[in-house]
């Protein structure tokens, strides 16, 4: 029996663009594994505002999540965010990035990125910081990073089923190519 290639897909984009919902829906649709966003879980538990060191812990945990997938029998992995968001976050908040991060971004390959357009209504919560025009500025930063690394990506827009159907089509189209 032929072993299917593992495919790693990261959902990226600004805050409040439906990344978590989309990652969960895609994992269900493709019978893959959903890899949760660690940043939210980590920051929600902090008794203070996050620091550079905290974001570095988040990045290292994202790497651990990735490494976990390497020994899995699953074919599809859907990451609710990835190191591209973390890199932009480091630069946006602290104006610098840990030296080791560049190597991990380049050497822990994600097969396809789905970048969520900030066309959904902003839903504030205790973690989100960048509503308004910052959502579009961050969207552009994520897109620039994806282009910089020459990563495969598809922009996902629309609401509800339209957004989900575009994402499903993007994954199917990519899967047919590999």
Protein backbone atom coordinates (compact mmCIF):
# COMPACT_ATOMS: atom_id res chain seq x y z
CA UNK A 1 0.00 0.00 0.00
CA UNK A 2 1.35 3.41 -1.00
CA UNK A 3 1.89 5.88 1.82
CA UNK A 4 0.36 9.26 1.08
CA UNK A 5 2.60 12.30 1.30
CA UNK A 6 1.96 14.48 4.31
CA UNK A 7 0.58 17.90 3.46
CA UNK A 8 0.86 20.80 5.87
CA UNK A 9 -1.42 23.77 5.41
CA UNK A 10 -1.22 26.90 7.53
CA UNK A 11 -4.06 29.33 7.93
CA UNK A 12 -2.69 32.83 8.35
CA UNK A 13 -3.96 36.39 8.38
CA UNK A 14 -4.85 39.21 10.76
CA UNK A 15 -6.83 38.83 13.94
CA UNK A 16 -10.55 38.11 13.67
CA UNK A 17 -10.47 36.75 10.13
CA UNK A 18 -11.84 33.30 10.87
CA UNK A 19 -8.57 31.36 10.95
CA UNK A 20 -9.56 29.02 13.76
CA UNK A 21 -12.98 28.27 12.31
CA UNK A 22 -11.48 27.66 8.87
CA UNK A 23 -8.67 25.42 10.16
CA UNK A 24 -11.16 23.28 12.09
CA UNK A 25 -13.56 23.05 9.15
CA UNK A 26 -10.78 22.06 6.76
CA UNK A 27 -9.43 19.42 9.13
CA UNK A 28 -12.92 17.93 9.28
CA UNK A 29 -13.47 18.16 5.51
CA UNK A 30 -10.16 16.49 4.66
CA UNK A 31 -10.08 14.15 7.64
CA UNK A 32 -6.85 15.76 8.74
CA UNK A 33 -5.45 16.95 12.00
CA UNK A 34 -6.19 20.39 13.39
CA UNK A 35 -3.16 22.02 15.04
CA UNK A 36 -4.50 24.71 17.43
CA UNK A 37 -3.21 28.22 17.82
CA UNK A 38 -0.91 28.15 20.82
CA UNK A 39 -0.51 31.93 21.14
CA UNK A 40 -4.08 32.47 22.30
CA UNK A 41 -3.89 29.66 24.86
CA UNK A 42 -0.57 30.97 26.21
CA UNK A 43 -1.40 34.68 26.35
CA UNK A 44 -4.82 34.11 27.95
CA UNK A 45 -3.09 32.46 30.92
CA UNK A 46 -0.56 35.24 31.51
CA UNK A 47 -1.17 37.40 34.59
CA UNK A 48 0.50 40.34 32.76
CA UNK A 49 1.08 41.68 29.27
CA UNK A 50 3.19 39.39 27.07
CA UNK A 51 6.91 40.05 26.51
CA UNK A 52 9.42 39.25 23.79
CA UNK A 53 10.37 36.12 25.75
CA UNK A 54 6.72 35.04 25.86
CA UNK A 55 6.40 35.33 22.09
CA UNK A 56 9.58 33.31 21.75
CA UNK A 57 8.02 30.55 23.90
CA UNK A 58 5.02 30.62 21.57
CA UNK A 59 7.26 30.33 18.50
CA UNK A 60 9.19 27.42 20.00
CA UNK A 61 5.92 25.66 20.80
CA UNK A 62 4.80 26.15 17.19
CA UNK A 63 8.02 24.39 16.14
CA UNK A 64 7.25 21.55 18.58
CA UNK A 65 3.74 21.26 17.13
CA UNK A 66 5.26 20.98 13.67
CA UNK A 67 7.78 18.35 14.78
CA UNK A 68 4.93 16.33 16.30
CA UNK A 69 3.36 16.03 12.84
CA UNK A 70 6.48 14.44 11.39
CA UNK A 71 5.83 11.13 13.17
CA UNK A 72 2.09 11.10 12.61
CA UNK A 73 0.27 8.75 10.26
CA UNK A 74 -2.09 11.57 9.21
CA UNK A 75 -1.93 12.91 5.66
CA UNK A 76 -3.26 16.44 6.21
CA UNK A 77 -2.36 18.94 8.93
CA UNK A 78 -4.11 22.27 9.30
CA UNK A 79 -2.17 24.76 11.41
CA UNK A 80 -4.20 27.53 12.99
CA UNK A 81 -1.43 30.12 12.45
CA UNK A 82 2.26 29.49 11.89
CA UNK A 83 5.66 31.12 12.28
CA UNK A 84 4.95 33.75 9.60
CA UNK A 85 2.39 35.34 11.92
CA UNK A 86 4.82 35.06 14.80
CA UNK A 87 7.62 36.70 12.82
CA UNK A 88 5.39 39.60 11.84
CA UNK A 89 4.18 39.84 15.45
CA UNK A 90 7.79 40.08 16.71
CA UNK A 91 8.50 42.88 14.24
CA UNK A 92 5.17 44.67 14.78
CA UNK A 93 5.41 44.75 18.57
CA UNK A 94 9.14 44.58 19.35
CA UNK A 95 10.88 45.65 16.14
CA UNK A 96 13.11 42.56 16.13
CA UNK A 97 13.02 38.80 15.61
CA UNK A 98 14.98 35.99 17.33
CA UNK A 99 17.96 34.89 15.25
CA UNK A 100 16.84 31.26 15.08
CA UNK A 101 13.37 32.00 13.67
CA UNK A 102 14.47 32.59 10.08
CA UNK A 103 16.04 29.13 9.91
CA UNK A 104 12.87 27.43 11.19
CA UNK A 105 10.64 29.29 8.75
CA UNK A 106 12.81 28.16 5.86
CA UNK A 107 13.48 24.60 7.00
CA UNK A 108 10.13 23.48 8.39
CA UNK A 109 8.15 23.56 5.17
CA UNK A 110 4.49 24.38 4.97
CA UNK A 111 3.06 23.17 1.67
CA UNK A 112 0.30 25.73 1.33
CA UNK A 113 -0.73 28.88 3.15
CA UNK A 114 -4.28 30.18 3.14
CA UNK A 115 -4.18 33.87 3.97
CA UNK A 116 -7.50 35.15 5.28
CA UNK A 117 -8.55 38.56 4.05
CA UNK A 118 -9.80 40.92 6.78
CA UNK A 119 -13.25 41.18 5.23
CA UNK A 120 -15.07 39.64 8.20
CA UNK A 121 -16.38 41.96 10.92
CA UNK A 122 -13.91 42.67 13.72
CA UNK A 123 -14.83 40.81 16.91
CA UNK A 124 -12.89 42.23 19.85
CA UNK A 125 -11.86 40.02 22.75
CA UNK A 126 -9.36 40.13 25.61
CA UNK A 127 -6.43 39.04 23.39
CA UNK A 128 -6.96 40.92 20.13
CA UNK A 129 -5.07 44.18 19.70
CA UNK A 130 -5.20 45.15 16.05
CA UNK A 131 -8.58 46.14 14.74
CA UNK A 132 -9.37 48.91 12.30
CA UNK A 133 -6.83 49.81 9.64
CA UNK A 134 -4.16 47.68 11.33
CA UNK A 135 -5.93 44.56 10.07
CA UNK A 136 -5.22 45.52 6.46
CA UNK A 137 -1.67 46.63 7.29
CA UNK A 138 -0.99 43.25 8.92
CA UNK A 139 -2.62 41.41 6.01
CA UNK A 140 -0.17 43.16 3.69
CA UNK A 141 2.75 42.25 5.98
CA UNK A 142 1.76 38.57 5.97
CA UNK A 143 1.37 38.61 2.20
CA UNK A 144 4.79 40.27 1.80
CA UNK A 145 6.40 37.60 4.00
CA UNK A 146 4.79 34.79 2.00
CA UNK A 147 6.06 36.36 -1.23
CA UNK A 148 9.50 36.95 0.29
CA UNK A 149 9.90 33.23 0.97
CA UNK A 150 8.23 32.29 -2.31
CA UNK A 151 5.71 30.15 -0.42
CA UNK A 152 2.59 28.75 -2.07
CA UNK A 153 -0.41 30.72 -0.89
CA UNK A 154 -3.99 31.48 -1.78
CA UNK A 155 -5.94 34.47 -0.54
CA UNK A 156 -9.25 33.53 1.04
CA UNK A 157 -12.09 36.04 1.22
CA UNK A 158 -15.84 36.09 1.56
CA UNK A 159 -18.11 35.07 4.39
CA UNK A 160 -19.61 31.84 5.65
CA UNK A 161 -19.90 29.05 3.12
CA UNK A 162 -18.30 31.18 0.39
CA UNK A 163 -15.11 31.51 2.45
CA UNK A 164 -15.09 27.82 3.35
CA UNK A 165 -15.74 26.73 -0.23
CA UNK A 166 -12.87 28.88 -1.51
CA UNK A 167 -10.56 27.31 1.07
CA UNK A 168 -11.71 23.77 0.23
CA UNK A 169 -11.16 24.44 -3.48
CA UNK A 170 -7.68 25.84 -2.80
CA UNK A 171 -6.71 22.73 -0.82
CA UNK A 172 -8.18 20.38 -3.44
CA UNK A 173 -6.42 22.21 -6.26
CA UNK A 174 -3.12 22.06 -4.39
CA UNK A 175 -3.58 18.39 -3.46
CA UNK A 176 -4.07 17.53 -7.13
CA UNK A 177 -0.71 19.11 -7.92
CA UNK A 178 1.30 17.00 -5.44
